[in-house]
Amino acid sequence: MTTLSGKTALVTGSTSGIGLGIALSLAKAGANLILNGFGDASTVIAEVEQFGGKVGHHPADVSDPAQIAEMIAYAEREFGGVDILVNNAGIQHVAAVEDFPVERWDSIIAINLSSVFHGTRLSLPGMRAKGWGRIINIASVHGQVGSVGKAAYVAAKHGVIGLTKVVGLETARSNVTCNAICPGWVLTPLVQKQIDARIATGIEPQQAQHDLLAEKQPSGEFVTPPQLGELVLFLCSEAGSQVRGAAWNIDGGWLAQ
């Protein structure tokens, strides 16, 4: 069991879905948590607090570099800095390139890619000063392959993997590591919208879910947030200390095809 007592983890987009699953895994391992997301976070804070660590929440809109800076300043002021940064926040929009709304492109690049850069550049000095840190970027299989209609998402996730490699190299002689996790289908609100779109055409819910998985994921099963959380814990452990600049697939066989 990885013990993270005394460490503080900041997980962006962590009031639901993948981010919450990762936050819960980190809390179980003893880390203090800074959650990030919009709206009333009281219920989520209570869920994470049950594991005994200190828990905070910052509502930064990660499309705004100034708000990311405010969130890191909050972490330094209230928690003594960030030891583990999980860049998870993300949004999606599906449309052909020629029909893709420019404002949607800009927002996806800002949240899915630029926020990773800003969170990393602002957290790294503190990690170097402490002599330890973990930066874990939630990329996607779409960081390595394309899919029709997902130009901005695929471009952003490819960028996340490229940035991960650079930071992994720049921190290679330190006790700071930077890696990316590349999930396949995870049953999050983003993926549920794609299932709902199939249901709207008259397909039964179970069949819609089956068909979505069958197209890409040979296991026929969703990756789960707790599984992603366990992989994050491995990358935070001593066993993961020489995993650097990696893009780790957890995708039910998607990229093995």
C-alpha atoms as a PDB file:
ATOM      1  CA  MET A   1       0.000   0.000   0.000  1.00  0.00           C
ATOM      2  CA  THR A   2       1.408   3.370  -1.030  1.00  0.00           C
ATOM      3  CA  THR A   3       1.512   5.721   1.964  1.00  0.00           C
ATOM      4  CA  LEU A   4       1.180   9.408   1.118  1.00  0.00           C
ATOM      5  CA  SER A   5       0.807  10.772   4.635  1.00  0.00           C
ATOM      6  CA  GLY A   6       2.015  14.352   4.781  1.00  0.00           C
ATOM      7  CA  LYS A   7       1.718  14.850   1.004  1.00  0.00           C
ATOM      8  CA  THR A   8      -0.776  17.223  -0.581  1.00  0.00           C
ATOM      9  CA  ALA A   9      -2.456  16.345  -3.858  1.00  0.00           C
ATOM     10  CA  LEU A  10      -4.255  18.775  -6.138  1.00  0.00           C
ATOM     11  CA  VAL A  11      -6.632  17.107  -8.605  1.00  0.00           C
ATOM     12  CA  THR A  12      -8.280  19.356 -11.182  1.00  0.00           C
ATOM     13  CA  GLY A  13     -11.836  18.560 -12.234  1.00  0.00           C
ATOM     14  CA  SER A  14     -12.258  16.383  -9.154  1.00  0.00           C
ATOM     15  CA  THR A  15     -15.834  16.941  -8.019  1.00  0.00           C
ATOM     16  CA  SER A  16     -17.086  14.030 -10.166  1.00  0.00           C
ATOM     17  CA  GLY A  17     -16.034  11.193 -12.462  1.00  0.00           C
ATOM     18  CA  ILE A  18     -12.396  10.280 -12.998  1.00  0.00           C
ATOM     19  CA  GLY A  19     -11.074  13.154 -10.915  1.00  0.00           C
ATOM     20  CA  LEU A  20     -13.163  12.220  -7.877  1.00  0.00           C
ATOM     21  CA  GLY A  21     -12.148   8.561  -8.190  1.00  0.00           C
ATOM     22  CA  ILE A  22      -8.483   9.565  -8.217  1.00  0.00           C
ATOM     23  CA  ALA A  23      -8.982  11.966  -5.296  1.00  0.00           C
ATOM     24  CA  LEU A  24     -10.587   9.215  -3.219  1.00  0.00           C
ATOM     25  CA  SER A  25      -7.700   6.825  -3.926  1.00  0.00           C
ATOM     26  CA  LEU A  26      -5.161   9.464  -2.908  1.00  0.00           C
ATOM     27  CA  ALA A  27      -7.122  10.256   0.260  1.00  0.00           C
ATOM     28  CA  LYS A  28      -7.282   6.558   1.198  1.00  0.00           C
ATOM     29  CA  ALA A  29      -3.491   6.477   0.891  1.00  0.00           C
ATOM     30  CA  GLY A  30      -3.223   9.311   3.427  1.00  0.00           C
ATOM     31  CA  ALA A  31      -2.765  12.372   1.242  1.00  0.00           C
ATOM     32  CA  ASN A  32      -4.304  15.748   1.948  1.00  0.00           C
ATOM     33  CA  LEU A  33      -6.527  16.788  -0.956  1.00  0.00           C
ATOM     34  CA  ILE A  34      -7.302  19.981  -2.795  1.00  0.00           C
ATOM     35  CA  LEU A  35     -10.375  19.433  -4.935  1.00  0.00           C
ATOM     36  CA  ASN A  36     -11.236  21.610  -7.905  1.00  0.00           C
ATOM     37  CA  GLY A  37     -14.506  22.094  -9.729  1.00  0.00           C
ATOM     38  CA  PHE A  38     -17.545  24.314 -10.056  1.00  0.00           C
ATOM     39  CA  GLY A  39     -20.593  24.502  -7.830  1.00  0.00           C
ATOM     40  CA  ASP A  40     -21.288  23.388  -4.268  1.00  0.00           C
ATOM     41  CA  ALA A  41     -18.560  20.895  -3.345  1.00  0.00           C
ATOM     42  CA  SER A  42     -19.712  20.230   0.239  1.00  0.00           C
ATOM     43  CA  THR A  43     -20.930  16.682  -0.443  1.00  0.00           C
ATOM     44  CA  VAL A  44     -17.736  15.716  -2.253  1.00  0.00           C
ATOM     45  CA  ILE A  45     -15.567  17.303   0.436  1.00  0.00           C
ATOM     46  CA  ALA A  46     -17.376  15.230   3.077  1.00  0.00           C
ATOM     47  CA  GLU A  47     -16.847  12.064   1.011  1.00  0.00           C
ATOM     48  CA  VAL A  48     -13.098  12.684   0.822  1.00  0.00           C
ATOM     49  CA  GLU A  49     -12.799  13.839   4.457  1.00  0.00           C
ATOM     50  CA  GLN A  50     -13.913  10.426   5.738  1.00  0.00           C
ATOM     51  CA  PHE A  51     -10.345   9.177   5.216  1.00  0.00           C
ATOM     52  CA  GLY A  52      -8.977  11.585   7.792  1.00  0.00           C
ATOM     53  CA  GLY A  53      -6.803  13.956   5.800  1.00  0.00           C
ATOM     54  CA  LYS A  54      -7.130  17.675   5.349  1.00  0.00           C
ATOM     55  CA  VAL A  55      -9.417  18.555   2.440  1.00  0.00           C
ATOM     56  CA  GLY A  56      -9.871  21.844   0.647  1.00  0.00           C
ATOM     57  CA  HIS A  57     -11.630  23.028  -2.473  1.00  0.00           C
ATOM     58  CA  HIS A  58     -10.787  25.738  -4.970  1.00  0.00           C
ATOM     59  CA  PRO A  59     -13.295  26.687  -7.697  1.00  0.00           C
ATOM     60  CA  ALA A  60     -10.716  27.860 -10.256  1.00  0.00           C
ATOM     61  CA  ASP A  61     -11.834  27.880 -13.863  1.00  0.00           C
ATOM     62  CA  VAL A  62      -8.770  26.178 -15.349  1.00  0.00           C
ATOM     63  CA  SER A  63      -9.344  27.813 -18.739  1.00  0.00           C
ATOM     64  CA  ASP A  64      -8.022  30.985 -17.049  1.00  0.00           C
ATOM     65  CA  PRO A  65      -4.274  31.043 -16.209  1.00  0.00           C
ATOM     66  CA  ALA A  66      -4.838  33.718 -13.547  1.00  0.00           C
ATOM     67  CA  GLN A  67      -7.305  31.492 -11.694  1.00  0.00           C
ATOM     68  CA  ILE A  68      -4.881  28.564 -11.875  1.00  0.00           C
ATOM     69  CA  ALA A  69      -2.236  30.821 -10.306  1.00  0.00           C
ATOM     70  CA  GLU A  70      -4.712  31.732  -7.551  1.00  0.00           C
ATOM     71  CA  MET A  71      -5.358  28.023  -6.919  1.00  0.00           C
ATOM     72  CA  ILE A  72      -1.648  27.236  -6.590  1.00  0.00           C
ATOM     73  CA  ALA A  73      -1.232  30.235  -4.268  1.00  0.00           C
ATOM     74  CA  TYR A  74      -4.133  28.866  -2.178  1.00  0.00           C
ATOM     75  CA  ALA A  75      -2.368  25.483  -2.019  1.00  0.00           C
ATOM     76  CA  GLU A  76       0.845  27.097  -0.839  1.00  0.00           C
ATOM     77  CA  ARG A  77      -0.930  29.246   1.716  1.00  0.00           C
ATOM     78  CA  GLU A  78      -3.260  26.615   3.179  1.00  0.00           C
ATOM     79  CA  PHE A  79      -1.386  23.344   2.591  1.00  0.00           C
ATOM     80  CA  GLY A  80       2.269  24.283   2.220  1.00  0.00           C
ATOM     81  CA  GLY A  81       2.275  23.631  -1.518  1.00  0.00           C
ATOM     82  CA  VAL A  82       1.469  20.876  -3.984  1.00  0.00           C
ATOM     83  CA  ASP A  83       3.353  17.566  -3.841  1.00  0.00           C
ATOM     84  CA  ILE A  84       1.151  15.678  -6.307  1.00  0.00           C
ATOM     85  CA  LEU A  85      -0.509  17.441  -9.232  1.00  0.00           C
ATOM     86  CA  VAL A  86      -3.099  15.496 -11.202  1.00  0.00           C
ATOM     87  CA  ASN A  87      -4.132  17.442 -14.296  1.00  0.00           C
ATOM     88  CA  ASN A  88      -7.497  15.864 -14.999  1.00  0.00           C
ATOM     89  CA  ALA A  89      -9.984  18.584 -15.983  1.00  0.00           C
ATOM     90  CA  GLY A  90     -11.369  18.146 -19.482  1.00  0.00           C
ATOM     91  CA  ILE A  91     -14.271  18.882 -21.798  1.00  0.00           C
ATOM     92  CA  GLN A  92     -15.383  17.483 -25.145  1.00  0.00           C
ATOM     93  CA  HIS A  93     -17.223  18.549 -28.283  1.00  0.00           C
ATOM     94  CA  VAL A  94     -17.884  16.430 -31.361  1.00  0.00           C
ATOM     95  CA  ALA A  95     -18.145  17.966 -34.843  1.00  0.00           C
ATOM     96  CA  ALA A  96     -16.437  17.712 -38.217  1.00  0.00           C
ATOM     97  CA  VAL A  97     -13.444  20.024 -38.653  1.00  0.00           C
ATOM     98  CA  GLU A  98     -15.205  22.339 -41.096  1.00  0.00           C
ATOM     99  CA  ASP A  99     -18.176  22.651 -38.730  1.00  0.00           C
ATOM    100  CA  PHE A 100     -16.202  22.874 -35.485  1.00  0.00           C
ATOM    101  CA  PRO A 101     -17.132  26.082 -33.595  1.00  0.00           C
ATOM    102  CA  VAL A 102     -14.040  28.208 -33.065  1.00  0.00           C
ATOM    103  CA  GLU A 103     -15.029  29.053 -29.505  1.00  0.00           C
ATOM    104  CA  ARG A 104     -15.357  25.329 -28.720  1.00  0.00           C
ATOM    105  CA  TRP A 105     -11.887  24.686 -30.145  1.00  0.00           C
ATOM    106  CA  ASP A 106     -10.448  27.475 -28.010  1.00  0.00           C
ATOM    107  CA  SER A 107     -12.121  26.286 -24.807  1.00  0.00           C
ATOM    108  CA  ILE A 108     -11.082  22.644 -25.298  1.00  0.00           C
ATOM    109  CA  ILE A 109      -7.460  23.607 -25.950  1.00  0.00           C
ATOM    110  CA  ALA A 110      -7.503  25.931 -22.931  1.00  0.00           C
ATOM    111  CA  ILE A 111      -8.961  23.389 -20.488  1.00  0.00           C
ATOM    112  CA  ASN A 112      -7.528  20.120 -21.836  1.00  0.00           C
ATOM    113  CA  LEU A 113      -4.026  21.320 -22.762  1.00  0.00           C
ATOM    114  CA  SER A 114      -3.068  24.828 -21.665  1.00  0.00           C
ATOM    115  CA  SER A 115      -4.238  24.210 -18.089  1.00  0.00           C
ATOM    116  CA  VAL A 116      -1.791  21.301 -17.887  1.00  0.00           C
ATOM    117  CA  PHE A 117       1.046  23.627 -18.866  1.00  0.00           C
ATOM    118  CA  HIS A 118       0.047  26.341 -16.412  1.00  0.00           C
ATOM    119  CA  GLY A 119      -0.534  23.979 -13.495  1.00  0.00           C
ATOM    120  CA  THR A 120       2.792  22.288 -14.164  1.00  0.00           C
ATOM    121  CA  ARG A 121       4.883  25.438 -14.528  1.00  0.00           C
ATOM    122  CA  LEU A 122       3.422  26.892 -11.340  1.00  0.00           C
ATOM    123  CA  SER A 123       3.775  23.704  -9.259  1.00  0.00           C
ATOM    124  CA  LEU A 124       7.249  22.658 -10.349  1.00  0.00           C
ATOM    125  CA  PRO A 125       9.293  25.248  -8.384  1.00  0.00           C
ATOM    126  CA  GLY A 126       7.731  24.117  -5.107  1.00  0.00           C
ATOM    127  CA  MET A 127       8.295  20.459  -5.921  1.00  0.00           C
ATOM    128  CA  ARG A 128      11.939  21.102  -6.783  1.00  0.00           C
ATOM    129  CA  ALA A 129      12.386  23.049  -3.548  1.00  0.00           C
ATOM    130  CA  LYS A 130      10.961  20.131  -1.531  1.00  0.00           C
ATOM    131  CA  GLY A 131      13.014  17.585  -3.467  1.00  0.00           C
ATOM    132  CA  TRP A 132       9.985  15.444  -4.389  1.00  0.00           C
ATOM    133  CA  GLY A 133       6.959  15.678  -6.628  1.00  0.00           C
ATOM    134  CA  ARG A 134       4.617  13.827  -8.933  1.00  0.00           C
ATOM    135  CA  ILE A 135       2.890  15.343 -11.959  1.00  0.00           C
ATOM    136  CA  ILE A 136       0.316  13.013 -13.484  1.00  0.00           C
ATOM    137  CA  ASN A 137      -1.566  14.128 -16.572  1.00  0.00           C
ATOM    138  CA  ILE A 138      -4.812  12.404 -17.489  1.00  0.00           C
ATOM    139  CA  ALA A 139      -4.472  12.170 -21.254  1.00  0.00           C
ATOM    140  CA  SER A 140      -6.429   9.595 -23.282  1.00  0.00           C
ATOM    141  CA  VAL A 141      -6.043   6.939 -25.927  1.00  0.00           C
ATOM    142  CA  HIS A 142      -6.963   9.915 -28.102  1.00  0.00           C
ATOM    143  CA  GLY A 143      -3.527  11.252 -27.290  1.00  0.00           C
ATOM    144  CA  GLN A 144      -2.156   8.465 -29.476  1.00  0.00           C
ATOM    145  CA  VAL A 145      -4.847   7.787 -32.081  1.00  0.00           C
ATOM    146  CA  GLY A 146      -7.531   9.855 -33.762  1.00  0.00           C
ATOM    147  CA  SER A 147     -11.300   9.590 -33.925  1.00  0.00           C
ATOM    148  CA  VAL A 148     -13.663  11.235 -36.367  1.00  0.00           C
ATOM    149  CA  GLY A 149     -15.311  14.406 -35.057  1.00  0.00           C
ATOM    150  CA  LYS A 150     -12.913  14.972 -32.160  1.00  0.00           C
ATOM    151  CA  ALA A 151     -10.355  17.344 -33.671  1.00  0.00           C
ATOM    152  CA  ALA A 152      -9.863  19.592 -30.650  1.00  0.00           C
ATOM    153  CA  TYR A 153      -9.906  16.793 -28.078  1.00  0.00           C
ATOM    154  CA  VAL A 154      -7.452  14.646 -30.038  1.00  0.00           C
ATOM    155  CA  ALA A 155      -5.157  17.615 -30.700  1.00  0.00           C
ATOM    156  CA  ALA A 156      -5.197  18.589 -27.027  1.00  0.00           C
ATOM    157  CA  LYS A 157      -4.509  15.078 -25.760  1.00  0.00           C
ATOM    158  CA  HIS A 158      -1.657  14.579 -28.237  1.00  0.00           C
ATOM    159  CA  GLY A 159      -0.285  17.849 -26.884  1.00  0.00           C
ATOM    160  CA  VAL A 160      -0.585  16.625 -23.296  1.00  0.00           C
ATOM    161  CA  ILE A 161       1.532  13.577 -24.105  1.00  0.00           C
ATOM    162  CA  GLY A 162       4.152  15.726 -25.834  1.00  0.00           C
ATOM    163  CA  LEU A 163       4.283  18.111 -22.876  1.00  0.00           C
ATOM    164  CA  THR A 164       4.548  15.141 -20.508  1.00  0.00           C
ATOM    165  CA  LYS A 165       7.631  13.887 -22.354  1.00  0.00           C
ATOM    166  CA  VAL A 166       9.320  17.282 -22.183  1.00  0.00           C
ATOM    167  CA  VAL A 167       8.647  17.737 -18.460  1.00  0.00           C
ATOM    168  CA  GLY A 168       9.715  14.135 -17.848  1.00  0.00           C
ATOM    169  CA  LEU A 169      13.059  14.894 -19.484  1.00  0.00           C
ATOM    170  CA  GLU A 170      13.511  18.250 -17.760  1.00  0.00           C
ATOM    171  CA  THR A 171      12.956  16.653 -14.334  1.00  0.00           C
ATOM    172  CA  ALA A 172      14.824  13.412 -15.075  1.00  0.00           C
ATOM    173  CA  ARG A 173      17.674  14.099 -12.634  1.00  0.00           C
ATOM    174  CA  SER A 174      15.381  15.087  -9.800  1.00  0.00           C
ATOM    175  CA  ASN A 175      12.910  13.340  -7.514  1.00  0.00           C
ATOM    176  CA  VAL A 176      10.077  14.882  -9.507  1.00  0.00           C
ATOM    177  CA  THR A 177       8.432  12.709 -12.152  1.00  0.00           C
ATOM    178  CA  CYS A 178       5.923  13.533 -14.862  1.00  0.00           C
ATOM    179  CA  ASN A 179       3.787  10.932 -16.612  1.00  0.00           C
ATOM    180  CA  ALA A 180       0.528  10.640 -18.519  1.00  0.00           C
ATOM    181  CA  ILE A 181      -2.250   8.094 -18.093  1.00  0.00           C
ATOM    182  CA  CYS A 182      -4.209   7.240 -21.237  1.00  0.00           C
ATOM    183  CA  PRO A 183      -7.632   5.768 -20.435  1.00  0.00           C
ATOM    184  CA  GLY A 184      -9.950   4.234 -22.970  1.00  0.00           C
ATOM    185  CA  TRP A 185     -13.701   4.433 -22.371  1.00  0.00           C
ATOM    186  CA  VAL A 186     -14.529   5.346 -18.776  1.00  0.00           C
ATOM    187  CA  LEU A 187     -18.207   5.757 -17.888  1.00  0.00           C
ATOM    188  CA  THR A 188     -18.059   9.474 -17.093  1.00  0.00           C
ATOM    189  CA  PRO A 189     -20.640  12.183 -17.853  1.00  0.00           C
ATOM    190  CA  LEU A 190     -18.736  12.935 -21.088  1.00  0.00           C
ATOM    191  CA  VAL A 191     -19.045   9.337 -22.282  1.00  0.00           C
ATOM    192  CA  GLN A 192     -22.624   9.039 -21.042  1.00  0.00           C
ATOM    193  CA  LYS A 193     -23.559  11.867 -23.413  1.00  0.00           C
ATOM    194  CA  GLN A 194     -22.311   9.742 -26.325  1.00  0.00           C
ATOM    195  CA  ILE A 195     -24.357   6.782 -25.099  1.00  0.00           C
ATOM    196  CA  ASP A 196     -27.406   9.030 -24.679  1.00  0.00           C
ATOM    197  CA  ALA A 197     -27.012  10.239 -28.260  1.00  0.00           C
ATOM    198  CA  ARG A 198     -27.312   6.616 -29.420  1.00  0.00           C
ATOM    199  CA  ILE A 199     -30.318   6.020 -27.167  1.00  0.00           C
ATOM    200  CA  ALA A 200     -31.986   9.068 -28.733  1.00  0.00           C
ATOM    201  CA  THR A 201     -31.936   7.259 -32.083  1.00  0.00           C
ATOM    202  CA  GLY A 202     -34.067   4.462 -30.607  1.00  0.00           C
ATOM    203  CA  ILE A 203     -31.388   2.016 -29.444  1.00  0.00           C
ATOM    204  CA  GLU A 204     -31.940   0.323 -26.077  1.00  0.00           C
ATOM    205  CA  PRO A 205     -29.618   1.681 -23.311  1.00  0.00           C
ATOM    206  CA  GLN A 206     -27.762  -1.610 -22.743  1.00  0.00           C
ATOM    207  CA  GLN A 207     -27.278  -2.082 -26.472  1.00  0.00           C
ATOM    208  CA  ALA A 208     -26.068   1.513 -26.872  1.00  0.00           C
ATOM    209  CA  GLN A 209     -23.428   0.959 -24.195  1.00  0.00           C
ATOM    210  CA  HIS A 210     -22.411  -2.383 -25.730  1.00  0.00           C
ATOM    211  CA  ASP A 211     -22.095  -0.891 -29.201  1.00  0.00           C
ATOM    212  CA  LEU A 212     -19.931   1.994 -27.978  1.00  0.00           C
ATOM    213  CA  LEU A 213     -17.509  -0.375 -26.258  1.00  0.00           C
ATOM    214  CA  ALA A 214     -17.492  -2.855 -29.137  1.00  0.00           C
ATOM    215  CA  GLU A 215     -16.295  -0.215 -31.583  1.00  0.00           C
ATOM    216  CA  LYS A 216     -13.025   0.443 -29.748  1.00  0.00           C
ATOM    217  CA  GLN A 217     -12.457  -1.491 -26.514  1.00  0.00           C
ATOM    218  CA  PRO A 218     -11.869  -5.246 -26.978  1.00  0.00           C
ATOM    219  CA  SER A 219     -12.413  -6.058 -23.293  1.00  0.00           C
ATOM    220  CA  GLY A 220     -16.032  -4.959 -23.652  1.00  0.00           C
ATOM    221  CA  GLU A 221     -15.787  -3.324 -20.235  1.00  0.00           C
ATOM    222  CA  PHE A 222     -15.332   0.246 -19.074  1.00  0.00           C
ATOM    223  CA  VAL A 223     -12.184   1.329 -17.280  1.00  0.00           C
ATOM    224  CA  THR A 224     -13.221   2.494 -13.795  1.00  0.00           C
ATOM    225  CA  PRO A 225     -12.177   5.588 -11.810  1.00  0.00           C
ATOM    226  CA  PRO A 226     -10.868   3.411  -8.926  1.00  0.00           C
ATOM    227  CA  GLN A 227      -8.613   1.556 -11.394  1.00  0.00           C
ATOM    228  CA  LEU A 228      -7.226   4.893 -12.560  1.00  0.00           C
ATOM    229  CA  GLY A 229      -6.774   5.904  -8.936  1.00  0.00           C
ATOM    230  CA  GLU A 230      -4.703   2.798  -8.239  1.00  0.00           C
ATOM    231  CA  LEU A 231      -2.483   3.552 -11.231  1.00  0.00           C
ATOM    232  CA  VAL A 232      -1.958   7.078  -9.888  1.00  0.00           C
ATOM    233  CA  LEU A 233      -0.894   5.572  -6.553  1.00  0.00           C
ATOM    234  CA  PHE A 234       1.636   3.350  -8.320  1.00  0.00           C
ATOM    235  CA  LEU A 235       3.135   6.351 -10.104  1.00  0.00           C
ATOM    236  CA  CYS A 236       3.385   8.115  -6.728  1.00  0.00           C
ATOM    237  CA  SER A 237       5.173   5.165  -5.148  1.00  0.00           C
ATOM    238  CA  GLU A 238       8.882   4.354  -5.024  1.00  0.00           C
ATOM    239  CA  ALA A 239       8.184   1.527  -7.481  1.00  0.00           C
ATOM    240  CA  GLY A 240       7.109   4.165 -10.009  1.00  0.00           C
ATOM    241  CA  SER A 241      10.044   6.493  -9.458  1.00  0.00           C
ATOM    242  CA  GLN A 242      11.766   5.548 -12.724  1.00  0.00           C
ATOM    243  CA  VAL A 243       8.635   5.831 -14.835  1.00  0.00           C
ATOM    244  CA  ARG A 244       9.357   9.168 -16.511  1.00  0.00           C
ATOM    245  CA  GLY A 245       7.722  10.842 -19.474  1.00  0.00           C
ATOM    246  CA  ALA A 246       5.552   7.785 -20.093  1.00  0.00           C
ATOM    247  CA  ALA A 247       2.110   7.555 -21.670  1.00  0.00           C
ATOM    248  CA  TRP A 248       0.554   4.616 -19.820  1.00  0.00           C
ATOM    249  CA  ASN A 249      -2.373   2.942 -21.599  1.00  0.00           C
ATOM    250  CA  ILE A 250      -5.276   1.623 -19.526  1.00  0.00           C
ATOM    251  CA  ASP A 251      -7.781   0.993 -22.287  1.00  0.00           C
ATOM    252  CA  GLY A 252      -9.138  -2.568 -22.370  1.00  0.00           C
ATOM    253  CA  GLY A 253      -6.922  -3.345 -25.390  1.00  0.00           C
ATOM    254  CA  TRP A 254      -7.946  -0.350 -27.541  1.00  0.00           C
ATOM    255  CA  LEU A 255      -4.412   0.490 -28.675  1.00  0.00           C
ATOM    256  CA  ALA A 256      -3.311  -3.123 -29.022  1.00  0.00           C
ATOM    257  CA  GLN A 257      -5.391  -3.482 -32.191  1.00  0.00           C
END
